[in-house]
N, C-alpha and C. Protein backbone atom coordinates (compact mmCIF):
# COMPACT_ATOMS: atom_id res chain seq x y z
N MET A 1 38.90 -185.59 5.41
CA MET A 1 39.01 -185.31 6.83
C MET A 1 40.05 -184.21 7.03
N ALA A 2 39.73 -183.27 7.89
CA ALA A 2 40.65 -182.16 8.18
C ALA A 2 41.86 -182.67 8.95
N LYS A 3 42.99 -182.05 8.69
CA LYS A 3 44.22 -182.42 9.38
C LYS A 3 44.11 -182.06 10.85
N GLU A 4 44.55 -182.96 11.69
CA GLU A 4 44.58 -182.68 13.12
C GLU A 4 45.73 -181.75 13.43
N ILE A 5 45.70 -181.16 14.61
CA ILE A 5 46.76 -180.26 15.04
C ILE A 5 47.89 -181.08 15.65
N THR A 6 49.09 -180.85 15.16
CA THR A 6 50.29 -181.52 15.67
C THR A 6 50.47 -181.17 17.15
N PRO A 7 50.75 -182.14 18.00
CA PRO A 7 50.99 -181.83 19.41
C PRO A 7 52.19 -180.88 19.56
N ARG A 8 52.03 -179.89 20.40
CA ARG A 8 53.07 -178.87 20.60
C ARG A 8 54.39 -179.50 21.06
N GLU A 9 54.30 -180.49 21.94
CA GLU A 9 55.50 -181.14 22.47
C GLU A 9 56.24 -181.92 21.39
N GLU A 10 55.51 -182.35 20.37
CA GLU A 10 56.10 -183.16 19.29
C GLU A 10 56.87 -182.30 18.29
N ASP A 11 56.26 -181.18 17.88
CA ASP A 11 56.89 -180.32 16.86
C ASP A 11 56.29 -178.92 17.00
N TYR A 12 56.98 -178.07 17.78
CA TYR A 12 56.45 -176.74 18.09
C TYR A 12 56.19 -175.92 16.83
N SER A 13 57.11 -175.95 15.89
CA SER A 13 56.96 -175.17 14.65
C SER A 13 55.72 -175.60 13.87
N GLN A 14 55.53 -176.92 13.72
CA GLN A 14 54.36 -177.41 12.98
C GLN A 14 53.08 -177.13 13.75
N TRP A 15 53.12 -177.24 15.08
CA TRP A 15 51.95 -176.92 15.91
C TRP A 15 51.50 -175.49 15.65
N TYR A 16 52.46 -174.55 15.64
CA TYR A 16 52.15 -173.14 15.42
C TYR A 16 51.50 -172.93 14.05
N ILE A 17 52.08 -173.53 13.02
CA ILE A 17 51.52 -173.42 11.67
C ILE A 17 50.12 -174.00 11.63
N ASP A 18 49.93 -175.16 12.27
CA ASP A 18 48.60 -175.79 12.30
C ASP A 18 47.57 -174.88 12.96
N ILE A 19 47.94 -174.24 14.07
CA ILE A 19 47.02 -173.35 14.79
C ILE A 19 46.65 -172.16 13.91
N VAL A 20 47.64 -171.55 13.27
CA VAL A 20 47.41 -170.38 12.41
C VAL A 20 46.45 -170.74 11.28
N LYS A 21 46.67 -171.90 10.66
CA LYS A 21 45.80 -172.33 9.55
C LYS A 21 44.41 -172.71 10.04
N LYS A 22 44.33 -173.45 11.13
CA LYS A 22 43.03 -173.90 11.66
C LYS A 22 42.17 -172.70 12.08
N ALA A 23 42.81 -171.65 12.62
CA ALA A 23 42.09 -170.45 13.03
C ALA A 23 41.81 -169.52 11.85
N ASN A 24 42.28 -169.90 10.66
CA ASN A 24 42.07 -169.12 9.45
C ASN A 24 42.69 -167.73 9.54
N LEU A 25 43.85 -167.65 10.22
CA LEU A 25 44.55 -166.37 10.37
C LEU A 25 45.43 -166.06 9.16
N ALA A 26 45.86 -167.11 8.46
CA ALA A 26 46.73 -166.93 7.30
C ALA A 26 46.56 -168.13 6.38
N GLN A 27 47.04 -167.96 5.16
CA GLN A 27 47.01 -169.07 4.21
C GLN A 27 48.29 -169.03 3.40
N ASN A 28 48.66 -170.18 2.85
CA ASN A 28 49.84 -170.24 2.00
C ASN A 28 49.59 -169.39 0.76
N SER A 29 50.65 -168.74 0.28
CA SER A 29 50.55 -167.98 -0.96
C SER A 29 51.12 -168.82 -2.08
N LYS A 30 51.03 -168.34 -3.29
CA LYS A 30 51.61 -169.06 -4.42
C LYS A 30 53.13 -168.93 -4.43
N VAL A 31 53.68 -168.01 -3.61
CA VAL A 31 55.12 -167.84 -3.49
C VAL A 31 55.60 -168.82 -2.43
N ARG A 32 56.48 -169.73 -2.82
CA ARG A 32 56.97 -170.77 -1.91
C ARG A 32 57.52 -170.15 -0.62
N GLY A 33 57.07 -170.68 0.51
CA GLY A 33 57.58 -170.25 1.79
C GLY A 33 56.92 -168.99 2.35
N CYS A 34 55.96 -168.44 1.64
CA CYS A 34 55.30 -167.20 2.09
C CYS A 34 53.84 -167.47 2.43
N MET A 35 53.33 -166.69 3.35
CA MET A 35 51.92 -166.79 3.71
C MET A 35 51.26 -165.42 3.59
N VAL A 36 49.97 -165.45 3.29
CA VAL A 36 49.17 -164.23 3.26
C VAL A 36 48.49 -164.14 4.62
N ILE A 37 48.72 -163.04 5.32
CA ILE A 37 48.08 -162.86 6.62
C ILE A 37 46.71 -162.24 6.37
N LYS A 38 45.69 -162.93 6.82
CA LYS A 38 44.31 -162.47 6.61
C LYS A 38 43.97 -161.36 7.60
N PRO A 39 42.88 -160.62 7.34
CA PRO A 39 42.55 -159.47 8.21
C PRO A 39 42.49 -159.78 9.70
N TYR A 40 41.84 -160.88 10.09
CA TYR A 40 41.76 -161.20 11.51
C TYR A 40 43.14 -161.53 12.06
N GLY A 41 43.95 -162.25 11.27
CA GLY A 41 45.32 -162.56 11.68
C GLY A 41 46.16 -161.30 11.82
N PHE A 42 45.95 -160.34 10.92
CA PHE A 42 46.70 -159.09 11.00
C PHE A 42 46.27 -158.29 12.23
N ALA A 43 44.97 -158.33 12.55
CA ALA A 43 44.48 -157.64 13.75
C ALA A 43 45.12 -158.24 15.01
N VAL A 44 45.25 -159.57 15.04
CA VAL A 44 45.91 -160.22 16.18
C VAL A 44 47.35 -159.74 16.26
N TRP A 45 48.05 -159.70 15.11
CA TRP A 45 49.45 -159.23 15.08
C TRP A 45 49.55 -157.79 15.57
N GLU A 46 48.65 -156.92 15.11
CA GLU A 46 48.69 -155.51 15.55
C GLU A 46 48.49 -155.39 17.05
N ASN A 47 47.58 -156.19 17.61
CA ASN A 47 47.35 -156.15 19.06
C ASN A 47 48.56 -156.67 19.83
N MET A 48 49.17 -157.73 19.32
CA MET A 48 50.39 -158.25 19.97
C MET A 48 51.49 -157.19 19.92
N GLN A 49 51.65 -156.57 18.77
CA GLN A 49 52.68 -155.56 18.59
C GLN A 49 52.45 -154.37 19.53
N LYS A 50 51.19 -153.95 19.64
CA LYS A 50 50.85 -152.83 20.52
C LYS A 50 51.17 -153.15 21.98
N GLU A 51 50.82 -154.36 22.40
CA GLU A 51 51.08 -154.77 23.78
C GLU A 51 52.57 -154.90 24.05
N LEU A 52 53.30 -155.50 23.11
CA LEU A 52 54.75 -155.61 23.28
C LEU A 52 55.40 -154.24 23.32
N ASP A 53 54.94 -153.33 22.46
CA ASP A 53 55.47 -151.97 22.43
C ASP A 53 55.27 -151.30 23.80
N ARG A 54 54.09 -151.47 24.37
CA ARG A 54 53.80 -150.89 25.68
C ARG A 54 54.75 -151.47 26.73
N MET A 55 54.93 -152.78 26.70
CA MET A 55 55.78 -153.45 27.68
C MET A 55 57.25 -153.02 27.53
N PHE A 56 57.71 -152.91 26.28
CA PHE A 56 59.09 -152.47 26.05
C PHE A 56 59.31 -151.07 26.59
N LYS A 57 58.39 -150.19 26.29
CA LYS A 57 58.56 -148.79 26.69
C LYS A 57 58.49 -148.63 28.21
N GLU A 58 57.69 -149.47 28.87
CA GLU A 58 57.63 -149.44 30.34
C GLU A 58 58.99 -149.73 30.96
N THR A 59 59.78 -150.54 30.29
CA THR A 59 61.08 -150.93 30.83
C THR A 59 62.22 -150.11 30.24
N GLY A 60 61.88 -149.08 29.45
CA GLY A 60 62.89 -148.20 28.88
C GLY A 60 63.54 -148.72 27.61
N HIS A 61 63.00 -149.78 27.04
CA HIS A 61 63.56 -150.33 25.80
C HIS A 61 62.97 -149.63 24.59
N GLN A 62 63.65 -149.77 23.46
CA GLN A 62 63.18 -149.19 22.21
C GLN A 62 63.03 -150.29 21.16
N ASN A 63 62.09 -150.10 20.25
CA ASN A 63 61.90 -151.04 19.16
C ASN A 63 62.96 -150.83 18.09
N ALA A 64 63.18 -151.87 17.29
CA ALA A 64 64.10 -151.77 16.16
C ALA A 64 63.63 -152.73 15.07
N TYR A 65 63.87 -152.37 13.83
CA TYR A 65 63.59 -153.25 12.70
C TYR A 65 64.91 -153.62 12.06
N PHE A 66 65.00 -154.83 11.56
CA PHE A 66 66.21 -155.31 10.93
C PHE A 66 65.93 -155.64 9.47
N PRO A 67 66.93 -155.57 8.64
CA PRO A 67 66.71 -155.79 7.21
C PRO A 67 66.33 -157.24 6.90
N ILE A 68 65.52 -157.39 5.86
CA ILE A 68 65.17 -158.73 5.40
C ILE A 68 66.31 -159.32 4.60
N PHE A 69 67.16 -158.46 4.03
CA PHE A 69 68.29 -158.93 3.24
C PHE A 69 69.54 -158.96 4.11
N ILE A 70 70.22 -160.07 4.07
CA ILE A 70 71.43 -160.26 4.87
C ILE A 70 72.57 -160.57 3.91
N PRO A 71 73.66 -159.82 3.96
CA PRO A 71 74.78 -160.11 3.06
C PRO A 71 75.28 -161.54 3.24
N LYS A 72 75.61 -162.17 2.12
CA LYS A 72 76.10 -163.54 2.14
C LYS A 72 77.33 -163.67 3.04
N SER A 73 78.16 -162.64 3.08
CA SER A 73 79.37 -162.68 3.92
C SER A 73 79.01 -162.83 5.40
N PHE A 74 77.89 -162.24 5.83
CA PHE A 74 77.47 -162.37 7.23
C PHE A 74 77.06 -163.81 7.52
N LEU A 75 76.31 -164.41 6.60
CA LEU A 75 75.87 -165.79 6.79
C LEU A 75 77.06 -166.74 6.75
N SER A 76 78.07 -166.41 5.96
CA SER A 76 79.26 -167.26 5.88
C SER A 76 79.95 -167.35 7.23
N LYS A 77 79.92 -166.26 8.00
CA LYS A 77 80.54 -166.26 9.33
C LYS A 77 79.80 -167.20 10.29
N GLU A 78 78.53 -167.47 9.99
CA GLU A 78 77.69 -168.32 10.84
C GLU A 78 77.32 -169.61 10.12
N ALA A 79 78.21 -170.09 9.25
CA ALA A 79 77.91 -171.23 8.39
C ALA A 79 77.36 -172.45 9.14
N ALA A 80 77.86 -172.68 10.34
CA ALA A 80 77.40 -173.85 11.11
C ALA A 80 75.92 -173.74 11.47
N HIS A 81 75.41 -172.53 11.59
CA HIS A 81 74.01 -172.33 11.97
C HIS A 81 73.08 -172.20 10.77
N VAL A 82 73.64 -171.95 9.60
CA VAL A 82 72.85 -171.67 8.41
C VAL A 82 72.26 -172.94 7.80
N GLU A 83 72.93 -174.06 7.99
CA GLU A 83 72.52 -175.30 7.33
C GLU A 83 71.04 -175.63 7.56
N GLY A 84 70.53 -175.38 8.73
CA GLY A 84 69.15 -175.72 9.04
C GLY A 84 68.10 -174.97 8.25
N PHE A 85 68.44 -173.78 7.78
CA PHE A 85 67.46 -173.02 7.00
C PHE A 85 67.97 -172.56 5.64
N ALA A 86 69.11 -173.09 5.21
CA ALA A 86 69.70 -172.68 3.93
C ALA A 86 68.76 -172.91 2.76
N GLN A 87 67.97 -173.95 2.79
CA GLN A 87 67.05 -174.24 1.69
C GLN A 87 65.91 -173.23 1.62
N GLU A 88 65.72 -172.45 2.67
CA GLU A 88 64.66 -171.45 2.71
C GLU A 88 65.16 -170.07 2.28
N CYS A 89 66.41 -169.98 1.85
CA CYS A 89 67.00 -168.70 1.47
C CYS A 89 66.93 -168.50 -0.04
N ALA A 90 66.61 -167.29 -0.43
CA ALA A 90 66.66 -166.90 -1.83
C ALA A 90 67.86 -165.99 -2.00
N VAL A 91 68.64 -166.23 -3.03
CA VAL A 91 69.82 -165.41 -3.29
C VAL A 91 69.43 -164.33 -4.30
N VAL A 92 69.64 -163.10 -3.91
CA VAL A 92 69.27 -161.97 -4.77
C VAL A 92 70.52 -161.50 -5.50
N THR A 93 70.46 -161.55 -6.84
CA THR A 93 71.63 -161.16 -7.65
C THR A 93 71.35 -159.98 -8.57
N HIS A 94 70.07 -159.66 -8.78
CA HIS A 94 69.69 -158.56 -9.67
C HIS A 94 68.66 -157.68 -8.98
N TYR A 95 68.55 -156.44 -9.40
CA TYR A 95 67.62 -155.52 -8.75
C TYR A 95 66.49 -155.03 -9.67
N ARG A 96 66.37 -155.62 -10.85
CA ARG A 96 65.31 -155.13 -11.74
C ARG A 96 64.89 -156.22 -12.72
N LEU A 97 63.61 -156.20 -13.10
CA LEU A 97 63.06 -157.02 -14.17
C LEU A 97 62.75 -156.10 -15.34
N LYS A 98 62.55 -156.71 -16.51
CA LYS A 98 62.10 -155.94 -17.67
C LYS A 98 61.20 -156.83 -18.51
N ASN A 99 60.44 -156.21 -19.39
CA ASN A 99 59.57 -156.98 -20.27
C ASN A 99 60.40 -157.83 -21.22
N ASP A 100 60.00 -159.06 -21.40
CA ASP A 100 60.68 -159.95 -22.33
C ASP A 100 60.44 -159.44 -23.75
N PRO A 101 61.48 -159.25 -24.54
CA PRO A 101 61.30 -158.77 -25.92
C PRO A 101 60.39 -159.68 -26.75
N ASN A 102 60.31 -160.96 -26.37
CA ASN A 102 59.44 -161.90 -27.09
C ASN A 102 57.98 -161.77 -26.67
N GLY A 103 57.71 -160.89 -25.70
CA GLY A 103 56.33 -160.68 -25.24
C GLY A 103 55.77 -161.81 -24.40
N THR A 104 56.64 -162.57 -23.76
CA THR A 104 56.17 -163.72 -22.96
C THR A 104 56.22 -163.46 -21.46
N GLY A 105 56.22 -162.23 -21.04
CA GLY A 105 56.24 -161.92 -19.61
C GLY A 105 57.39 -161.02 -19.26
N VAL A 106 58.05 -161.33 -18.15
CA VAL A 106 59.19 -160.53 -17.71
C VAL A 106 60.41 -161.41 -17.58
N ILE A 107 61.57 -160.78 -17.68
CA ILE A 107 62.85 -161.47 -17.50
C ILE A 107 63.73 -160.61 -16.59
N VAL A 108 64.76 -161.23 -16.04
CA VAL A 108 65.74 -160.50 -15.25
C VAL A 108 66.51 -159.60 -16.21
N ASP A 109 66.66 -158.34 -15.87
CA ASP A 109 67.42 -157.39 -16.69
C ASP A 109 68.90 -157.68 -16.48
N PRO A 110 69.61 -158.19 -17.49
CA PRO A 110 71.02 -158.52 -17.30
C PRO A 110 71.88 -157.31 -16.94
N ALA A 111 71.42 -156.12 -17.30
CA ALA A 111 72.17 -154.90 -16.96
C ALA A 111 71.99 -154.51 -15.50
N ALA A 112 71.11 -155.20 -14.79
CA ALA A 112 70.80 -154.84 -13.41
C ALA A 112 71.45 -155.78 -12.40
N LYS A 113 72.55 -156.41 -12.78
CA LYS A 113 73.26 -157.28 -11.85
C LYS A 113 73.79 -156.42 -10.70
N LEU A 114 73.70 -156.94 -9.50
CA LEU A 114 74.09 -156.15 -8.33
C LEU A 114 75.56 -155.75 -8.35
N GLY A 115 76.43 -156.54 -8.91
CA GLY A 115 77.83 -156.17 -9.06
C GLY A 115 78.51 -155.82 -7.75
N SER A 116 78.87 -154.54 -7.59
CA SER A 116 79.62 -154.13 -6.41
C SER A 116 78.75 -154.03 -5.16
N ILE A 117 77.43 -154.03 -5.33
CA ILE A 117 76.55 -154.02 -4.17
C ILE A 117 76.57 -155.43 -3.58
N PRO A 118 76.74 -155.57 -2.25
CA PRO A 118 76.80 -156.92 -1.68
C PRO A 118 75.53 -157.70 -1.98
N THR A 119 75.72 -158.95 -2.39
CA THR A 119 74.59 -159.82 -2.65
C THR A 119 73.85 -160.08 -1.35
N GLY A 120 72.54 -160.02 -1.41
CA GLY A 120 71.74 -160.24 -0.21
C GLY A 120 71.05 -161.57 -0.24
N ILE A 121 70.69 -162.05 0.92
CA ILE A 121 69.96 -163.29 1.07
C ILE A 121 68.65 -162.93 1.75
N CYS A 122 67.58 -163.49 1.27
CA CYS A 122 66.27 -163.24 1.86
C CYS A 122 65.74 -164.58 2.36
N ARG A 123 65.42 -164.66 3.63
CA ARG A 123 64.88 -165.90 4.18
C ARG A 123 63.37 -165.87 4.07
N PHE A 124 62.80 -166.94 3.50
CA PHE A 124 61.35 -167.04 3.35
C PHE A 124 60.78 -167.96 4.38
């Protein structure tokens, strides 16, 4: 039996995910916490983006994009708010992979440690 849609009043976040999945707009990927947006779902996103862009420009506002990586020091300043999504964060410590000398795939290149570059956090 197919899963029913969670009532919006009960759990808004789960309701949204249920709607997206039921409408076949996106599906879970093999990467934990990530979804693949399907063509129809992407078309919906593009139309929403286009309409929002029009509305912003009508009021004299400008669009902006923000980085997916957030320095750990920034999150430390907001520690009280981070707890709710801390388990969804990936800590990035290296910037490159290399082939495993044993021929078993790829490994983190130990020479590619971020070092003096601020460590970033990516929320999934």
